[in-house]
Amino acid sequence: MNARTKKRHKVGRLVRMHADKMEDIDRSTAGDIVALFGIECASGDTFAAQDYNVAMTSMFVPKPVISLSVKPKDNKMLDNMSKALARFMREDPTFRTTVDEESGETLIAGMGELHLDVYVERMKREYNSEVETGAPRVAYRECISQRADFLYTHKKQTGGSGQYAKVGGYIEPIANSDEFEFVDEVRGGAIPREYIPACEKGFASALAKGDLIAAPVLGVRVVLNDGQSHAVDSSDLAFQIAARSAFREAYPKARPVILEPIMKLAVEGPSDFQGAYIKVIMQRRGVIIGSTDMDGFSQVEAEVPMAETFGFATDLRSCSQGKAEFTLEFSKYAPVPGEIQKTLIEEFQASSASKRR
């Protein structure tokens, strides 16, 4: 039985997996790597006998750091592309696909340039669906860098019962955290208890898009300590609107900054080219963490902004005569330099203006 879906499945064939062949077996024990055939499942699913209601601990799935827009070269290939994307999402929890609300584009997102290139190639080979890809887009984020107070009143009268809500408090950054935290410090019934969840929901929804480049906002603590309600005109909706508007009012005063994903990079290859590795990394705003040499073989570890890793494979191949290899892994989010932040904001504003036209 699939512990997630509660569906029963009949195991018709069990095989042990080897590098280039499969071996039919009657039973498997702990530690075996085996395959079952004809079973509908997704990565992370647990299968157990029907009497055992158990599930393995879910694996950690990092959030995507890069996205591409994809569209089929021919409308006849659209169905095949959709089937391929649905299957890839079931196979790989780090692969996501969404539709951009503004442009209507289909976006695929993953952990790196090569990750997405593999799936684009698989669509072509396995599903006969050739796609055109847009420029890679880095998953930027925003955060605030200082405390800012807010006191906002939402009042709307349209005849009959209107809308009224007043919220007061402050927002502040949370050190070393990407989470949203809501703290209720309202005393004396300034805001009735039944409206507190609406306030939290309003603040949480405001974090979906920041004011700089409309990227999600990370690491914010909202402290609500004051407010006012009306016996007739107050409602959940009124307090949600007031909370969203209060956040928008306080956000510019909290000195927001843009964050970019930083990748942990490890380059391995002949020691003769170590200087070339380091030069290529430094040219891409990389920070060298350390390097080791052993028996003519060198390993260089560094942290490099995701935006600077596009085309890195080609440059590394060129400077090492094709003898070096590298691995990339998401590490953290960090503020972008001031000049780059200015450029990103200008590009976003220009893009928004062209869409409005």
Protein backbone atom coordinates (compact mmCIF):
# COMPACT_ATOMS: atom_id res chain seq x y z
CA MET A 1 0.00 0.00 0.00
CA ASN A 2 1.18 3.53 -0.81
CA ALA A 3 1.31 5.30 2.57
CA ARG A 4 0.66 8.71 0.97
CA THR A 5 -2.29 7.89 -1.31
CA LYS A 6 -3.60 4.84 0.63
CA LYS A 7 -3.91 2.98 -2.69
CA ARG A 8 -3.25 -0.76 -2.90
CA HIS A 9 -0.87 -2.04 -5.57
CA LYS A 10 -0.07 -5.55 -6.73
CA VAL A 11 3.64 -6.21 -7.15
CA GLY A 12 3.97 -8.20 -10.36
CA ARG A 13 7.74 -8.07 -10.77
CA LEU A 14 10.64 -7.31 -8.45
CA VAL A 15 14.17 -6.72 -9.77
CA ARG A 16 17.53 -5.83 -8.27
CA MET A 17 19.20 -2.93 -10.06
CA HIS A 18 22.76 -3.09 -11.34
CA ALA A 19 24.73 -0.58 -13.39
CA ASP A 20 23.77 -1.97 -16.79
CA LYS A 21 21.34 -4.82 -16.13
CA MET A 22 18.39 -5.96 -14.00
CA GLU A 23 18.14 -9.20 -12.02
CA ASP A 24 14.74 -10.74 -11.24
CA ILE A 25 14.38 -11.65 -7.57
CA ASP A 26 11.64 -13.11 -5.34
CA ARG A 27 12.35 -11.06 -2.21
CA SER A 28 14.45 -8.15 -0.98
CA THR A 29 15.85 -7.22 2.44
CA ALA A 30 17.03 -4.05 4.16
CA GLY A 31 19.63 -2.16 2.14
CA ASP A 32 18.68 -3.58 -1.27
CA ILE A 33 18.16 -1.24 -4.20
CA VAL A 34 15.26 -2.71 -6.17
CA ALA A 35 12.63 -1.67 -8.70
CA LEU A 36 8.92 -2.37 -9.01
CA PHE A 37 7.05 -2.20 -12.31
CA GLY A 38 3.78 -0.54 -13.30
CA ILE A 39 3.21 1.39 -10.06
CA GLU A 40 2.00 5.00 -9.97
CA CYS A 41 4.09 6.91 -7.45
CA ALA A 42 6.14 10.01 -6.77
CA SER A 43 9.57 10.62 -5.25
CA GLY A 44 9.45 10.22 -1.48
CA ASP A 45 6.53 7.76 -1.39
CA THR A 46 6.65 4.86 1.06
CA PHE A 47 5.24 1.40 0.24
CA ALA A 48 4.42 -1.01 3.03
CA ALA A 49 2.24 -4.02 3.77
CA GLN A 50 -1.37 -3.02 4.36
CA ASP A 51 -1.14 -3.74 8.09
CA TYR A 52 1.76 -1.31 8.57
CA ASN A 53 0.72 2.34 8.61
CA VAL A 54 4.26 3.77 8.36
CA ALA A 55 6.00 6.35 6.19
CA MET A 56 9.67 7.19 5.82
CA THR A 57 10.82 10.66 6.87
CA SER A 58 10.53 13.11 4.00
CA MET A 59 13.75 14.21 2.38
CA PHE A 60 14.83 17.87 2.49
CA VAL A 61 13.81 19.60 -0.73
CA PRO A 62 15.55 22.97 -1.32
CA LYS A 63 13.66 25.71 -3.12
CA PRO A 64 14.55 26.32 -6.79
CA VAL A 65 17.12 29.02 -7.49
CA ILE A 66 16.80 29.40 -11.27
CA SER A 67 13.94 29.41 -13.75
CA LEU A 68 13.47 29.31 -17.54
CA SER A 69 10.47 30.07 -19.70
CA VAL A 70 9.65 27.26 -22.13
CA LYS A 71 7.24 27.02 -25.04
CA PRO A 72 6.84 24.30 -27.69
CA LYS A 73 8.17 25.09 -31.16
CA ASP A 74 4.95 23.67 -32.58
CA ASN A 75 1.49 23.72 -30.98
CA LYS A 76 1.20 20.01 -31.80
CA MET A 77 3.94 19.40 -29.23
CA LEU A 78 2.05 21.17 -26.41
CA ASP A 79 0.36 18.01 -25.09
CA ASN A 80 3.64 16.10 -25.05
CA MET A 81 5.36 18.96 -23.22
CA SER A 82 2.61 18.99 -20.58
CA LYS A 83 2.89 15.22 -20.07
CA ALA A 84 6.68 15.49 -19.76
CA LEU A 85 6.54 18.30 -17.19
CA ALA A 86 3.96 16.45 -15.08
CA ARG A 87 6.13 13.31 -15.06
CA PHE A 88 9.33 15.20 -14.26
CA MET A 89 7.66 16.88 -11.27
CA ARG A 90 6.62 13.48 -9.88
CA GLU A 91 10.15 12.15 -10.35
CA ASP A 92 12.11 15.10 -9.01
CA PRO A 93 10.91 17.19 -6.01
CA THR A 94 13.49 19.92 -6.82
CA PHE A 95 11.96 20.47 -10.27
CA ARG A 96 8.94 22.80 -10.41
CA THR A 97 6.75 24.11 -13.18
CA THR A 98 4.34 27.04 -13.00
CA VAL A 99 2.51 29.47 -15.28
CA ASP A 100 3.42 33.14 -14.94
CA GLU A 101 0.22 35.04 -14.10
CA GLU A 102 1.24 38.22 -15.94
CA SER A 103 2.82 36.85 -19.13
CA GLY A 104 1.08 33.46 -19.35
CA GLU A 105 4.48 31.82 -19.94
CA THR A 106 5.23 28.29 -18.71
CA LEU A 107 8.18 28.42 -16.32
CA ILE A 108 10.39 25.54 -15.23
CA ALA A 109 12.53 25.98 -12.13
CA GLY A 110 15.33 23.94 -10.63
CA MET A 111 18.68 23.91 -8.88
CA GLY A 112 20.93 25.07 -11.71
CA GLU A 113 21.53 25.63 -15.40
CA LEU A 114 22.57 22.03 -16.08
CA HIS A 115 19.60 20.68 -14.12
CA LEU A 116 17.14 22.44 -16.42
CA ASP A 117 19.18 21.67 -19.57
CA VAL A 118 18.84 17.96 -18.83
CA TYR A 119 15.03 18.18 -18.65
CA VAL A 120 14.82 20.25 -21.83
CA GLU A 121 16.85 17.56 -23.60
CA ARG A 122 14.70 14.79 -22.12
CA MET A 123 11.55 16.48 -23.44
CA LYS A 124 13.09 16.37 -26.90
CA ARG A 125 14.33 12.75 -26.72
CA GLU A 126 11.64 10.98 -24.71
CA TYR A 127 8.53 12.98 -25.64
CA ASN A 128 9.40 14.29 -29.11
CA SER A 129 8.68 17.80 -27.84
CA GLU A 130 11.20 20.45 -28.87
CA VAL A 131 10.91 23.63 -26.83
CA GLU A 132 12.24 27.15 -27.06
CA THR A 133 13.72 28.47 -23.82
CA GLY A 134 13.94 32.04 -22.60
CA ALA A 135 16.83 33.63 -20.75
CA PRO A 136 17.57 32.08 -17.33
CA ARG A 137 16.03 34.01 -14.44
CA VAL A 138 17.55 33.96 -10.98
CA ALA A 139 15.19 33.55 -8.02
CA TYR A 140 15.95 36.82 -6.25
CA ARG A 141 14.43 37.62 -2.86
CA GLU A 142 13.99 40.76 -0.77
CA CYS A 143 14.45 41.48 2.93
CA ILE A 144 14.43 44.44 5.28
CA SER A 145 17.53 45.70 7.10
CA GLN A 146 16.12 47.76 9.98
CA ARG A 147 13.06 48.24 12.18
CA ALA A 148 10.15 50.37 10.95
CA ASP A 149 6.96 51.34 12.79
CA PHE A 150 3.48 51.39 11.30
CA LEU A 151 0.08 52.76 12.31
CA TYR A 152 -2.50 52.39 9.57
CA THR A 153 -6.23 53.00 9.48
CA HIS A 154 -8.39 51.41 6.81
CA LYS A 155 -11.73 53.18 6.47
CA LYS A 156 -14.25 52.78 3.67
CA GLN A 157 -17.85 53.89 3.63
CA THR A 158 -20.07 52.91 0.72
CA GLY A 159 -23.54 53.21 2.23
CA GLY A 160 -24.78 50.70 4.76
CA SER A 161 -22.10 48.89 6.72
CA GLY A 162 -18.60 49.98 5.71
CA GLN A 163 -15.08 48.78 6.49
CA TYR A 164 -12.99 49.92 9.44
CA ALA A 165 -9.75 48.56 10.91
CA LYS A 166 -6.73 50.15 12.56
CA VAL A 167 -3.44 48.33 13.18
CA GLY A 168 -0.25 49.50 14.87
CA GLY A 169 3.15 47.97 15.60
CA TYR A 170 6.47 47.48 13.84
CA ILE A 171 8.37 45.21 11.45
CA GLU A 172 11.98 44.14 11.93
CA PRO A 173 14.45 41.74 10.30
CA ILE A 174 15.07 38.28 11.81
CA ALA A 175 18.77 37.43 12.01
CA ASN A 176 19.83 34.26 10.17
CA SER A 177 16.30 33.23 9.25
CA ASP A 178 14.21 33.19 6.08
CA GLU A 179 10.93 32.63 7.92
CA PHE A 180 8.00 34.96 8.65
CA GLU A 181 7.19 35.50 12.32
CA PHE A 182 4.04 37.14 13.68
CA VAL A 183 3.99 38.35 17.29
CA ASP A 184 0.73 39.36 18.94
CA GLU A 185 1.32 41.93 21.69
CA VAL A 186 -2.14 43.54 21.59
CA ARG A 187 -3.42 44.20 25.11
CA GLY A 188 -6.67 45.48 26.55
CA GLY A 189 -8.83 44.32 23.66
CA ALA A 190 -7.65 47.09 21.31
CA ILE A 191 -8.18 44.54 18.52
CA PRO A 192 -10.73 41.81 19.30
CA ARG A 193 -9.17 38.33 19.45
CA GLU A 194 -11.23 37.06 16.52
CA TYR A 195 -9.50 39.55 14.16
CA ILE A 196 -5.89 38.68 15.12
CA PRO A 197 -5.68 35.71 12.66
CA ALA A 198 -6.96 38.02 9.89
CA CYS A 199 -4.15 40.47 10.68
CA GLU A 200 -1.56 37.69 10.51
CA LYS A 201 -2.99 36.49 7.20
CA GLY A 202 -2.86 40.01 5.79
CA PHE A 203 0.79 40.53 6.74
CA ALA A 204 1.75 37.08 5.40
CA SER A 205 0.08 37.80 2.04
CA ALA A 206 1.98 41.10 1.74
CA LEU A 207 5.28 39.19 1.81
CA ALA A 208 4.54 37.54 -1.54
CA LYS A 209 5.85 40.57 -3.45
CA GLY A 210 8.27 43.23 -2.28
CA ASP A 211 8.35 46.79 -3.61
CA LEU A 212 11.82 46.65 -5.18
CA ILE A 213 11.49 43.95 -7.87
CA ALA A 214 8.28 42.18 -6.77
CA ALA A 215 10.28 39.29 -5.31
CA PRO A 216 9.13 37.37 -2.19
CA VAL A 217 10.22 38.94 1.12
CA LEU A 218 12.18 36.78 3.58
CA GLY A 219 13.09 36.99 7.26
CA VAL A 220 10.50 39.44 8.63
CA ARG A 221 9.07 39.64 12.15
CA VAL A 222 5.81 41.59 12.48
CA VAL A 223 4.89 42.76 15.98
CA LEU A 224 1.29 43.90 16.38
CA ASN A 225 0.77 45.93 19.57
CA ASP A 226 -2.01 48.43 18.91
CA GLY A 227 -5.16 48.94 16.89
CA GLN A 228 -8.81 49.78 16.96
CA SER A 229 -12.04 48.22 15.74
CA HIS A 230 -15.62 49.31 15.09
CA ALA A 231 -18.61 47.44 16.48
CA VAL A 232 -20.38 47.40 13.10
CA ASP A 233 -17.87 48.11 10.32
CA SER A 234 -14.95 45.89 11.40
CA SER A 235 -14.49 42.50 9.74
CA ASP A 236 -11.84 39.93 8.85
CA LEU A 237 -11.54 41.46 5.39
CA ALA A 238 -11.08 44.97 6.77
CA PHE A 239 -8.24 43.85 9.07
CA GLN A 240 -6.56 41.86 6.27
CA ILE A 241 -6.59 44.95 4.03
CA ALA A 242 -5.33 47.13 6.89
CA ALA A 243 -2.47 44.71 7.62
CA ARG A 244 -1.41 44.54 3.96
CA SER A 245 -1.52 48.32 3.62
CA ALA A 246 0.36 48.81 6.91
CA PHE A 247 3.16 46.55 5.68
CA ARG A 248 3.36 48.42 2.37
CA GLU A 249 3.57 51.69 4.32
CA ALA A 250 6.35 50.48 6.64
CA TYR A 251 8.36 48.49 4.05
CA PRO A 252 10.18 51.43 2.36
CA LYS A 253 11.16 52.83 5.78
CA ALA A 254 12.80 49.49 6.72
CA ARG A 255 15.55 49.92 4.07
CA PRO A 256 14.73 46.88 1.93
CA VAL A 257 17.52 45.13 0.02
CA ILE A 258 17.60 42.51 -2.73
CA LEU A 259 19.00 39.07 -1.91
CA GLU A 260 20.58 36.72 -4.45
CA PRO A 261 21.17 32.96 -4.16
CA ILE A 262 24.78 32.07 -3.41
CA MET A 263 26.05 28.71 -4.69
CA LYS A 264 28.71 26.54 -3.12
CA LEU A 265 31.14 25.70 -5.95
CA ALA A 266 33.75 22.93 -5.95
CA VAL A 267 36.19 22.66 -8.88
CA GLU A 268 38.42 19.61 -9.30
CA GLY A 269 41.18 19.13 -11.86
CA PRO A 270 44.94 19.05 -12.51
CA SER A 271 46.99 21.31 -10.24
CA ASP A 272 48.68 22.87 -13.29
CA PHE A 273 45.49 24.83 -13.94
CA GLN A 274 44.72 25.89 -10.36
CA GLY A 275 45.53 29.54 -11.04
CA ALA A 276 43.19 29.49 -14.03
CA TYR A 277 40.35 28.03 -11.91
CA ILE A 278 40.75 30.76 -9.32
CA LYS A 279 40.88 33.49 -11.98
CA VAL A 280 37.64 32.31 -13.59
CA ILE A 281 35.93 32.14 -10.18
CA MET A 282 37.12 35.61 -9.14
CA GLN A 283 35.89 37.09 -12.43
CA ARG A 284 32.41 35.88 -11.47
CA ARG A 285 32.30 37.64 -8.08
CA GLY A 286 33.34 34.41 -6.40
CA VAL A 287 34.88 34.17 -2.92
CA ILE A 288 37.52 31.46 -2.49
CA ILE A 289 36.91 29.42 0.68
CA GLY A 290 39.88 27.08 0.38
CA SER A 291 41.95 24.87 -1.90
CA THR A 292 43.79 21.56 -1.54
CA ASP A 293 46.53 19.89 -3.59
CA MET A 294 47.32 16.20 -3.61
CA ASP A 295 49.36 14.16 -6.10
CA GLY A 296 49.05 16.73 -8.88
CA PHE A 297 45.30 17.03 -8.35
CA SER A 298 43.69 20.23 -7.07
CA GLN A 299 40.34 21.08 -5.53
CA VAL A 300 39.12 24.68 -5.15
CA GLU A 301 36.06 25.51 -3.05
CA ALA A 302 34.28 28.83 -3.39
CA GLU A 303 30.99 30.67 -3.05
CA VAL A 304 29.65 32.23 -6.25
CA PRO A 305 26.42 34.18 -6.92
CA MET A 306 23.95 32.13 -8.93
CA ALA A 307 23.61 34.94 -11.49
CA GLU A 308 27.31 34.61 -12.34
CA THR A 309 27.33 30.84 -12.95
CA PHE A 310 25.70 30.88 -16.40
CA GLY A 311 28.21 29.62 -18.95
CA PHE A 312 30.70 28.64 -16.23
CA ALA A 313 31.06 25.13 -17.66
CA THR A 314 32.29 26.52 -20.99
CA ASP A 315 34.83 28.85 -19.38
CA LEU A 316 36.13 26.09 -17.10
CA ARG A 317 36.49 23.71 -20.01
CA SER A 318 38.44 26.33 -21.97
CA CYS A 319 40.88 27.19 -19.18
CA SER A 320 41.58 23.55 -18.21
CA GLN A 321 41.72 21.92 -21.66
CA GLY A 322 38.56 20.04 -20.69
CA LYS A 323 40.28 18.26 -17.77
CA ALA A 324 38.42 19.89 -14.86
CA GLU A 325 34.94 19.28 -13.49
CA PHE A 326 32.77 21.12 -10.98
CA THR A 327 29.74 20.75 -8.72
CA LEU A 328 27.26 23.45 -7.68
CA GLU A 329 25.04 23.38 -4.62
CA PHE A 330 22.76 26.05 -3.16
CA SER A 331 24.26 27.57 -0.02
CA LYS A 332 22.38 30.68 1.13
CA TYR A 333 20.86 34.02 0.22
CA ALA A 334 22.99 37.17 0.55
CA PRO A 335 22.50 40.89 -0.32
CA VAL A 336 23.53 41.93 -3.82
CA PRO A 337 26.07 44.77 -4.24
CA GLY A 338 24.57 48.27 -4.41
CA GLU A 339 25.27 48.85 -8.12
CA ILE A 340 23.70 45.53 -9.10
CA GLN A 341 20.66 46.25 -6.91
CA LYS A 342 20.22 49.58 -8.68
CA THR A 343 20.45 47.86 -12.09
CA LEU A 344 17.92 45.17 -11.10
CA ILE A 345 15.42 47.77 -9.89
CA GLU A 346 15.79 49.80 -13.10
CA GLU A 347 15.32 46.69 -15.25
CA PHE A 348 12.22 45.69 -13.27
CA GLN A 349 10.71 49.17 -13.57
CA ALA A 350 11.38 49.26 -17.32
CA SER A 351 9.85 45.79 -17.74
CA SER A 352 6.76 46.76 -15.73
CA ALA A 353 6.31 49.94 -17.75
CA SER A 354 6.50 48.05 -21.06
CA LYS A 355 3.90 45.51 -19.86
CA ARG A 356 1.51 48.31 -18.87
CA ARG A 357 1.81 49.78 -22.37
